[in-house]
PDB file of all heavy atoms in Angstrom:
ATOM      1  N   PHE A   1       0.859  -1.182   0.000  1.00  0.00           N
ATOM      2  CA  PHE A   1       0.000   0.000   0.000  1.00  0.00           C
ATOM      3  C   PHE A   1       0.895   1.231   0.000  1.00  0.00           C
ATOM      4  O   PHE A   1       2.069   1.162   0.365  1.00  0.00           O
ATOM      5  CB  PHE A   1      -0.893  -0.007   1.250  1.00  0.00           C
ATOM      6  CG  PHE A   1      -2.074   0.924   1.184  1.00  0.00           C
ATOM      7  CD1 PHE A   1      -3.144   0.653   0.339  1.00  0.00           C
ATOM      8  CD2 PHE A   1      -2.125   2.061   1.971  1.00  0.00           C
ATOM      9  CE1 PHE A   1      -4.246   1.505   0.281  1.00  0.00           C
ATOM     10  CE2 PHE A   1      -3.216   2.916   1.919  1.00  0.00           C
ATOM     11  CZ  PHE A   1      -4.276   2.641   1.071  1.00  0.00           C
ATOM     12  N   ALA A   2       0.352   2.364  -0.432  1.00  0.00           N
ATOM     13  CA  ALA A   2       1.123   3.607  -0.462  1.00  0.00           C
ATOM     14  C   ALA A   2       0.251   4.769  -0.019  1.00  0.00           C
ATOM     15  O   ALA A   2      -0.919   4.861  -0.405  1.00  0.00           O
ATOM     16  CB  ALA A   2       1.677   3.871  -1.862  1.00  0.00           C
ATOM     17  N   VAL A   3       0.839   5.650   0.778  1.00  0.00           N
ATOM     18  CA  VAL A   3       0.175   6.865   1.237  1.00  0.00           C
ATOM     19  C   VAL A   3       1.122   8.027   0.973  1.00  0.00           C
ATOM     20  O   VAL A   3       2.249   8.047   1.468  1.00  0.00           O
ATOM     21  CB  VAL A   3      -0.171   6.800   2.732  1.00  0.00           C
ATOM     22  CG1 VAL A   3      -0.917   8.068   3.149  1.00  0.00           C
ATOM     23  CG2 VAL A   3      -0.997   5.558   3.045  1.00  0.00           C
ATOM     24  N   MET A   4       0.682   9.001   0.184  1.00  0.00           N
ATOM     25  CA  MET A   4       1.544  10.083  -0.270  1.00  0.00           C
ATOM     26  C   MET A   4       1.068  11.415   0.307  1.00  0.00           C
ATOM     27  O   MET A   4      -0.125  11.709   0.280  1.00  0.00           O
ATOM     28  CB  MET A   4       1.544  10.134  -1.806  1.00  0.00           C
ATOM     29  CG  MET A   4       2.593  11.049  -2.405  1.00  0.00           C
ATOM     30  SD  MET A   4       2.576  11.073  -4.234  1.00  0.00           S
ATOM     31  CE  MET A   4       2.995   9.387  -4.609  1.00  0.00           C
ATOM     32  N   ASP A   5       2.005  12.186   0.837  1.00  0.00           N
ATOM     33  CA  ASP A   5       1.674  13.477   1.444  1.00  0.00           C
ATOM     34  C   ASP A   5       2.047  14.609   0.511  1.00  0.00           C
ATOM     35  O   ASP A   5       3.207  14.750   0.117  1.00  0.00           O
ATOM     36  CB  ASP A   5       2.412  13.637   2.777  1.00  0.00           C
ATOM     37  CG  ASP A   5       1.942  14.863   3.540  1.00  0.00           C
ATOM     38  OD1 ASP A   5       2.358  15.976   3.178  1.00  0.00           O
ATOM     39  OD2 ASP A   5       1.147  14.707   4.487  1.00  0.00           O
ATOM     40  N   GLY A   6       1.051  15.446   0.167  1.00  0.00           N
ATOM     41  CA  GLY A   6       1.273  16.626  -0.644  1.00  0.00           C
ATOM     42  C   GLY A   6       0.822  17.880   0.067  1.00  0.00           C
ATOM     43  O   GLY A   6       0.396  18.839  -0.580  1.00  0.00           O
ATOM     44  N   THR A   7       0.873  17.862   1.406  1.00  0.00           N
ATOM     45  CA  THR A   7       0.552  19.084   2.148  1.00  0.00           C
ATOM     46  C   THR A   7       1.568  20.165   1.793  1.00  0.00           C
ATOM     47  O   THR A   7       1.216  21.293   1.466  1.00  0.00           O
ATOM     48  CB  THR A   7       0.533  18.807   3.654  1.00  0.00           C
ATOM     49  OG1 THR A   7       1.767  18.185   4.053  1.00  0.00           O
ATOM     50  CG2 THR A   7      -0.621  17.866   4.000  1.00  0.00           C
ATOM     51  N   PHE A   8       2.849  19.810   1.878  1.00  0.00           N
ATOM     52  CA  PHE A   8       3.902  20.527   1.180  1.00  0.00           C
ATOM     53  C   PHE A   8       4.232  19.719  -0.071  1.00  0.00           C
ATOM     54  O   PHE A   8       4.297  18.487  -0.013  1.00  0.00           O
ATOM     55  CB  PHE A   8       5.180  20.629   2.020  1.00  0.00           C
ATOM     56  CG  PHE A   8       5.155  21.659   3.104  1.00  0.00           C
ATOM     57  CD1 PHE A   8       5.268  21.288   4.434  1.00  0.00           C
ATOM     58  CD2 PHE A   8       5.058  23.017   2.805  1.00  0.00           C
ATOM     59  CE1 PHE A   8       5.277  22.230   5.450  1.00  0.00           C
ATOM     60  CE2 PHE A   8       5.068  23.969   3.815  1.00  0.00           C
ATOM     61  CZ  PHE A   8       5.172  23.580   5.141  1.00  0.00           C
ATOM     62  N   ALA A   9       4.458  20.361  -1.196  1.00  0.00           N
ATOM     63  CA  ALA A   9       4.871  19.670  -2.415  1.00  0.00           C
ATOM     64  C   ALA A   9       6.091  20.360  -2.985  1.00  0.00           C
ATOM     65  O   ALA A   9       6.269  21.580  -2.824  1.00  0.00           O
ATOM     66  CB  ALA A   9       3.736  19.655  -3.435  1.00  0.00           C
ATOM     67  N   GLY A  10       6.945  19.580  -3.656  1.00  0.00           N
ATOM     68  CA  GLY A  10       8.216  20.107  -4.146  1.00  0.00           C
ATOM     69  C   GLY A  10       8.279  20.173  -5.656  1.00  0.00           C
ATOM     70  O   GLY A  10       7.944  19.215  -6.350  1.00  0.00           O
ATOM     71  N   ASP A  11       8.735  21.315  -6.169  1.00  0.00           N
ATOM     72  CA  ASP A  11       8.773  21.596  -7.605  1.00  0.00           C
ATOM     73  C   ASP A  11      10.198  21.953  -8.015  1.00  0.00           C
ATOM     74  O   ASP A  11      10.862  22.757  -7.359  1.00  0.00           O
ATOM     75  CB  ASP A  11       7.816  22.778  -7.874  1.00  0.00           C
ATOM     76  CG  ASP A  11       8.034  23.471  -9.209  1.00  0.00           C
ATOM     77  OD1 ASP A  11       8.432  22.789 -10.171  1.00  0.00           O
ATOM     78  OD2 ASP A  11       7.798  24.685  -9.281  1.00  0.00           O
ATOM     79  N   GLY A  12      10.666  21.348  -9.111  1.00  0.00           N
ATOM     80  CA  GLY A  12      11.995  21.682  -9.608  1.00  0.00           C
ATOM     81  C   GLY A  12      12.997  20.573  -9.363  1.00  0.00           C
ATOM     82  O   GLY A  12      12.654  19.402  -9.412  1.00  0.00           O
ATOM     83  N   PRO A  13      14.257  20.917  -9.073  1.00  0.00           N
ATOM     84  CA  PRO A  13      15.311  19.910  -8.976  1.00  0.00           C
ATOM     85  C   PRO A  13      15.302  19.163  -7.642  1.00  0.00           C
ATOM     86  O   PRO A  13      16.143  19.367  -6.769  1.00  0.00           O
ATOM     87  CB  PRO A  13      16.597  20.729  -9.158  1.00  0.00           C
ATOM     88  CG  PRO A  13      16.252  22.090  -8.694  1.00  0.00           C
ATOM     89  CD  PRO A  13      14.803  22.292  -9.014  1.00  0.00           C
ATOM     90  N   GLY A  14      14.324  18.282  -7.502  1.00  0.00           N
ATOM     91  CA  GLY A  14      14.206  17.498  -6.277  1.00  0.00           C
ATOM     92  C   GLY A  14      15.181  16.342  -6.251  1.00  0.00           C
ATOM     93  O   GLY A  14      15.794  16.008  -7.259  1.00  0.00           O
ATOM     94  N   PRO A  15      15.334  15.691  -5.083  1.00  0.00           N
ATOM     95  CA  PRO A  15      14.477  15.851  -3.907  1.00  0.00           C
ATOM     96  C   PRO A  15      14.929  16.891  -2.888  1.00  0.00           C
ATOM     97  O   PRO A  15      14.249  17.096  -1.893  1.00  0.00           O
ATOM     98  CB  PRO A  15      14.541  14.451  -3.276  1.00  0.00           C
ATOM     99  CG  PRO A  15      15.928  13.995  -3.574  1.00  0.00           C
ATOM    100  CD  PRO A  15      16.235  14.528  -4.954  1.00  0.00           C
ATOM    101  N   ARG A  16      16.073  17.554  -3.110  1.00  0.00           N
ATOM    102  CA  ARG A  16      16.584  18.429  -2.051  1.00  0.00           C
ATOM    103  C   ARG A  16      16.602  19.909  -2.403  1.00  0.00           C
ATOM    104  O   ARG A  16      16.584  20.741  -1.486  1.00  0.00           O
ATOM    105  CB  ARG A  16      17.996  17.972  -1.645  1.00  0.00           C
ATOM    106  CG  ARG A  16      17.985  16.692  -0.840  1.00  0.00           C
ATOM    107  CD  ARG A  16      19.383  16.304  -0.380  1.00  0.00           C
ATOM    108  NE  ARG A  16      20.128  15.632  -1.432  1.00  0.00           N
ATOM    109  CZ  ARG A  16      21.370  15.180  -1.295  1.00  0.00           C
ATOM    110  NH1 ARG A  16      21.997  15.359  -0.141  1.00  0.00           N
ATOM    111  NH2 ARG A  16      21.978  14.578  -2.290  1.00  0.00           N
ATOM    112  N   ALA A  17      16.628  20.263  -3.675  1.00  0.00           N
ATOM    113  CA  ALA A  17      16.762  21.676  -4.052  1.00  0.00           C
ATOM    114  C   ALA A  17      15.481  22.219  -4.682  1.00  0.00           C
ATOM    115  O   ALA A  17      15.518  22.974  -5.643  1.00  0.00           O
ATOM    116  CB  ALA A  17      17.947  21.845  -5.002  1.00  0.00           C
ATOM    117  N   MET A  18      14.356  21.867  -4.097  1.00  0.00           N
ATOM    118  CA  MET A  18      13.063  22.189  -4.703  1.00  0.00           C
ATOM    119  C   MET A  18      12.532  23.540  -4.235  1.00  0.00           C
ATOM    120  O   MET A  18      12.925  24.066  -3.206  1.00  0.00           O
ATOM    121  CB  MET A  18      12.032  21.106  -4.332  1.00  0.00           C
ATOM    122  CG  MET A  18      12.440  19.707  -4.705  1.00  0.00           C
ATOM    123  SD  MET A  18      11.281  18.494  -4.036  1.00  0.00           S
ATOM    124  CE  MET A  18      11.532  18.686  -2.264  1.00  0.00           C
ATOM    125  N   ARG A  19      11.591  24.051  -5.016  1.00  0.00           N
ATOM    126  CA  ARG A  19      10.743  25.149  -4.565  1.00  0.00           C
ATOM    127  C   ARG A  19       9.577  24.534  -3.798  1.00  0.00           C
ATOM    128  O   ARG A  19       9.011  23.524  -4.207  1.00  0.00           O
ATOM    129  CB  ARG A  19      10.239  25.962  -5.760  1.00  0.00           C
ATOM    130  CG  ARG A  19      11.368  26.686  -6.507  1.00  0.00           C
ATOM    131  CD  ARG A  19      10.866  27.390  -7.747  1.00  0.00           C
ATOM    132  NE  ARG A  19      10.455  26.432  -8.791  1.00  0.00           N
ATOM    133  CZ  ARG A  19      11.283  25.877  -9.660  1.00  0.00           C
ATOM    134  NH1 ARG A  19      12.587  26.139  -9.629  1.00  0.00           N
ATOM    135  NH2 ARG A  19      10.840  25.045 -10.582  1.00  0.00           N
ATOM    136  N   ILE A  20       9.213  25.162  -2.691  1.00  0.00           N
ATOM    137  CA  ILE A  20       8.230  24.583  -1.768  1.00  0.00           C
ATOM    138  C   ILE A  20       6.868  25.225  -1.979  1.00  0.00           C
ATOM    139  O   ILE A  20       6.750  26.449  -2.062  1.00  0.00           O
ATOM    140  CB  ILE A  20       8.676  24.793  -0.308  1.00  0.00           C
ATOM    141  CG1 ILE A  20      10.082  24.207  -0.082  1.00  0.00           C
ATOM    142  CG2 ILE A  20       7.678  24.175   0.663  1.00  0.00           C
ATOM    143  CD1 ILE A  20      10.750  24.700   1.192  1.00  0.00           C
ATOM    144  N   HIS A  21       5.831  24.379  -2.051  1.00  0.00           N
ATOM    145  CA  HIS A  21       4.461  24.867  -2.226  1.00  0.00           C
ATOM    146  C   HIS A  21       3.544  24.210  -1.201  1.00  0.00           C
ATOM    147  O   HIS A  21       3.683  23.027  -0.904  1.00  0.00           O
ATOM    148  CB  HIS A  21       3.937  24.533  -3.627  1.00  0.00           C
ATOM    149  CG  HIS A  21       4.781  25.072  -4.746  1.00  0.00           C
ATOM    150  ND1 HIS A  21       4.562  26.309  -5.312  1.00  0.00           N
ATOM    151  CD2 HIS A  21       5.837  24.544  -5.400  1.00  0.00           C
ATOM    152  CE1 HIS A  21       5.458  26.518  -6.278  1.00  0.00           C
ATOM    153  NE2 HIS A  21       6.243  25.460  -6.347  1.00  0.00           N
ATOM    154  N   ASN A  22       2.585  24.972  -0.685  1.00  0.00           N
ATOM    155  CA  ASN A  22       1.498  24.402   0.109  1.00  0.00           C
ATOM    156  C   ASN A  22       0.416  23.915  -0.847  1.00  0.00           C
ATOM    157  O   ASN A  22      -0.181  24.722  -1.572  1.00  0.00           O
ATOM    158  CB  ASN A  22       0.896  25.454   1.050  1.00  0.00           C
ATOM    159  CG  ASN A  22       1.800  25.795   2.219  1.00  0.00           C
ATOM    160  OD1 ASN A  22       2.057  26.946   2.491  1.00  0.00           O
ATOM    161  ND2 ASN A  22       2.283  24.785   2.927  1.00  0.00           N
ATOM    162  N   LYS A  23       0.148  22.617  -0.881  1.00  0.00           N
ATOM    163  CA  LYS A  23      -0.874  22.086  -1.780  1.00  0.00           C
ATOM    164  C   LYS A  23      -1.987  21.356  -1.037  1.00  0.00           C
ATOM    165  O   LYS A  23      -3.003  21.004  -1.646  1.00  0.00           O
ATOM    166  CB  LYS A  23      -0.231  21.160  -2.818  1.00  0.00           C
ATOM    167  CG  LYS A  23       0.648  21.918  -3.825  1.00  0.00           C
ATOM    168  CD  LYS A  23      -0.145  22.970  -4.582  1.00  0.00           C
ATOM    169  CE  LYS A  23       0.702  23.702  -5.608  1.00  0.00           C
ATOM    170  NZ  LYS A  23      -0.052  24.792  -6.286  1.00  0.00           N
ATOM    171  N   ASN A  24      -1.822  21.081   0.252  1.00  0.00           N
ATOM    172  CA  ASN A  24      -2.932  20.658   1.120  1.00  0.00           C
ATOM    173  C   ASN A  24      -3.619  19.375   0.671  1.00  0.00           C
ATOM    174  O   ASN A  24      -4.818  19.200   0.914  1.00  0.00           O
ATOM    175  CB  ASN A  24      -3.986  21.775   1.206  1.00  0.00           C
ATOM    176  CG  ASN A  24      -3.378  23.112   1.543  1.00  0.00           C
ATOM    177  OD1 ASN A  24      -2.631  23.244   2.502  1.00  0.00           O
ATOM    178  ND2 ASN A  24      -3.681  24.127   0.733  1.00  0.00           N
ATOM    179  N   VAL A  25      -2.882  18.455   0.051  1.00  0.00           N
ATOM    180  CA  VAL A  25      -3.512  17.267  -0.498  1.00  0.00           C
ATOM    181  C   VAL A  25      -2.800  16.015   0.006  1.00  0.00           C
ATOM    182  O   VAL A  25      -1.594  16.029   0.283  1.00  0.00           O
ATOM    183  CB  VAL A  25      -3.496  17.309  -2.052  1.00  0.00           C
ATOM    184  CG1 VAL A  25      -2.083  17.162  -2.593  1.00  0.00           C
ATOM    185  CG2 VAL A  25      -4.417  16.263  -2.648  1.00  0.00           C
ATOM    186  N   ILE A  26      -3.561  14.931   0.167  1.00  0.00           N
ATOM    187  CA  ILE A  26      -2.997  13.631   0.535  1.00  0.00           C
ATOM    188  C   ILE A  26      -3.631  12.565  -0.356  1.00  0.00           C
ATOM    189  O   ILE A  26      -4.779  12.697  -0.789  1.00  0.00           O
ATOM    190  CB  ILE A  26      -3.215  13.298   2.030  1.00  0.00           C
ATOM    191  CG1 ILE A  26      -4.679  13.453   2.433  1.00  0.00           C
ATOM    192  CG2 ILE A  26      -2.335  14.189   2.900  1.00  0.00           C
ATOM    193  CD1 ILE A  26      -4.958  13.117   3.900  1.00  0.00           C
ATOM    194  N   LEU A  27      -2.852  11.527  -0.657  1.00  0.00           N
ATOM    195  CA  LEU A  27      -3.279  10.488  -1.592  1.00  0.00           C
ATOM    196  C   LEU A  27      -2.986   9.115  -1.002  1.00  0.00           C
ATOM    197  O   LEU A  27      -2.043   8.949  -0.216  1.00  0.00           O
ATOM    198  CB  LEU A  27      -2.553  10.597  -2.938  1.00  0.00           C
ATOM    199  CG  LEU A  27      -2.534  11.898  -3.705  1.00  0.00           C
ATOM    200  CD1 LEU A  27      -1.399  12.806  -3.224  1.00  0.00           C
ATOM    201  CD2 LEU A  27      -2.356  11.640  -5.199  1.00  0.00           C
ATOM    202  N   ALA A  28      -3.763   8.107  -1.416  1.00  0.00           N
ATOM    203  CA  ALA A  28      -3.515   6.735  -0.974  1.00  0.00           C
ATOM    204  C   ALA A  28      -3.995   5.761  -2.035  1.00  0.00           C
ATOM    205  O   ALA A  28      -4.974   6.022  -2.749  1.00  0.00           O
ATOM    206  CB  ALA A  28      -4.211   6.449   0.359  1.00  0.00           C
ATOM    207  N   SER A  29      -3.293   4.628  -2.142  1.00  0.00           N
ATOM    208  CA  SER A  29      -3.690   3.610  -3.111  1.00  0.00           C
ATOM    209  C   SER A  29      -2.949   2.307  -2.841  1.00  0.00           C
ATOM    210  O   SER A  29      -1.832   2.310  -2.308  1.00  0.00           O
ATOM    211  CB  SER A  29      -3.377   4.072  -4.538  1.00  0.00           C
ATOM    212  OG  SER A  29      -3.772   3.088  -5.488  1.00  0.00           O
ATOM    213  N   ALA A  30      -3.572   1.199  -3.239  1.00  0.00           N
ATOM    214  CA  ALA A  30      -2.887  -0.091  -3.253  1.00  0.00           C
ATOM    215  C   ALA A  30      -2.091  -0.273  -4.535  1.00  0.00           C
ATOM    216  O   ALA A  30      -1.353  -1.247  -4.664  1.00  0.00           O
ATOM    217  CB  ALA A  30      -3.912  -1.220  -3.107  1.00  0.00           C
ATOM    218  N   ASP A  31      -2.238   0.654  -5.472  1.00  0.00           N
ATOM    219  CA  ASP A  31      -1.582   0.575  -6.775  1.00  0.00           C
ATOM    220  C   ASP A  31      -0.499   1.642  -6.834  1.00  0.00           C
ATOM    221  O   ASP A  31      -0.774   2.835  -6.981  1.00  0.00           O
ATOM    222  CB  ASP A  31      -2.626   0.800  -7.880  1.00  0.00           C
ATOM    223  CG  ASP A  31      -2.069   0.612  -9.280  1.00  0.00           C
ATOM    224  OD1 ASP A  31      -0.845   0.789  -9.462  1.00  0.00           O
ATOM    225  OD2 ASP A  31      -2.862   0.318 -10.195  1.00  0.00           O
ATOM    226  N   GLN A  32       0.770   1.216  -6.721  1.00  0.00           N
ATOM    227  CA  GLN A  32       1.861   2.175  -6.690  1.00  0.00           C
ATOM    228  C   GLN A  32       2.016   2.918  -8.013  1.00  0.00           C
ATOM    229  O   GLN A  32       2.454   4.074  -8.040  1.00  0.00           O
ATOM    230  CB  GLN A  32       3.170   1.460  -6.348  1.00  0.00           C
ATOM    231  CG  GLN A  32       3.204   0.910  -4.937  1.00  0.00           C
ATOM    232  CD  GLN A  32       4.590   0.510  -4.514  1.00  0.00           C
ATOM    233  OE1 GLN A  32       5.578   1.135  -4.874  1.00  0.00           O
ATOM    234  NE2 GLN A  32       4.677  -0.549  -3.722  1.00  0.00           N
TER     235      GLN A  32
END
């Protein structure tokens, strides 16, 4: 199973040098 957090989301050269956005969303699925 997978649960993904997009409360903060990262845009650009991730995973460490991203621009930070508040997107207030969470996702879940048994299908990765």
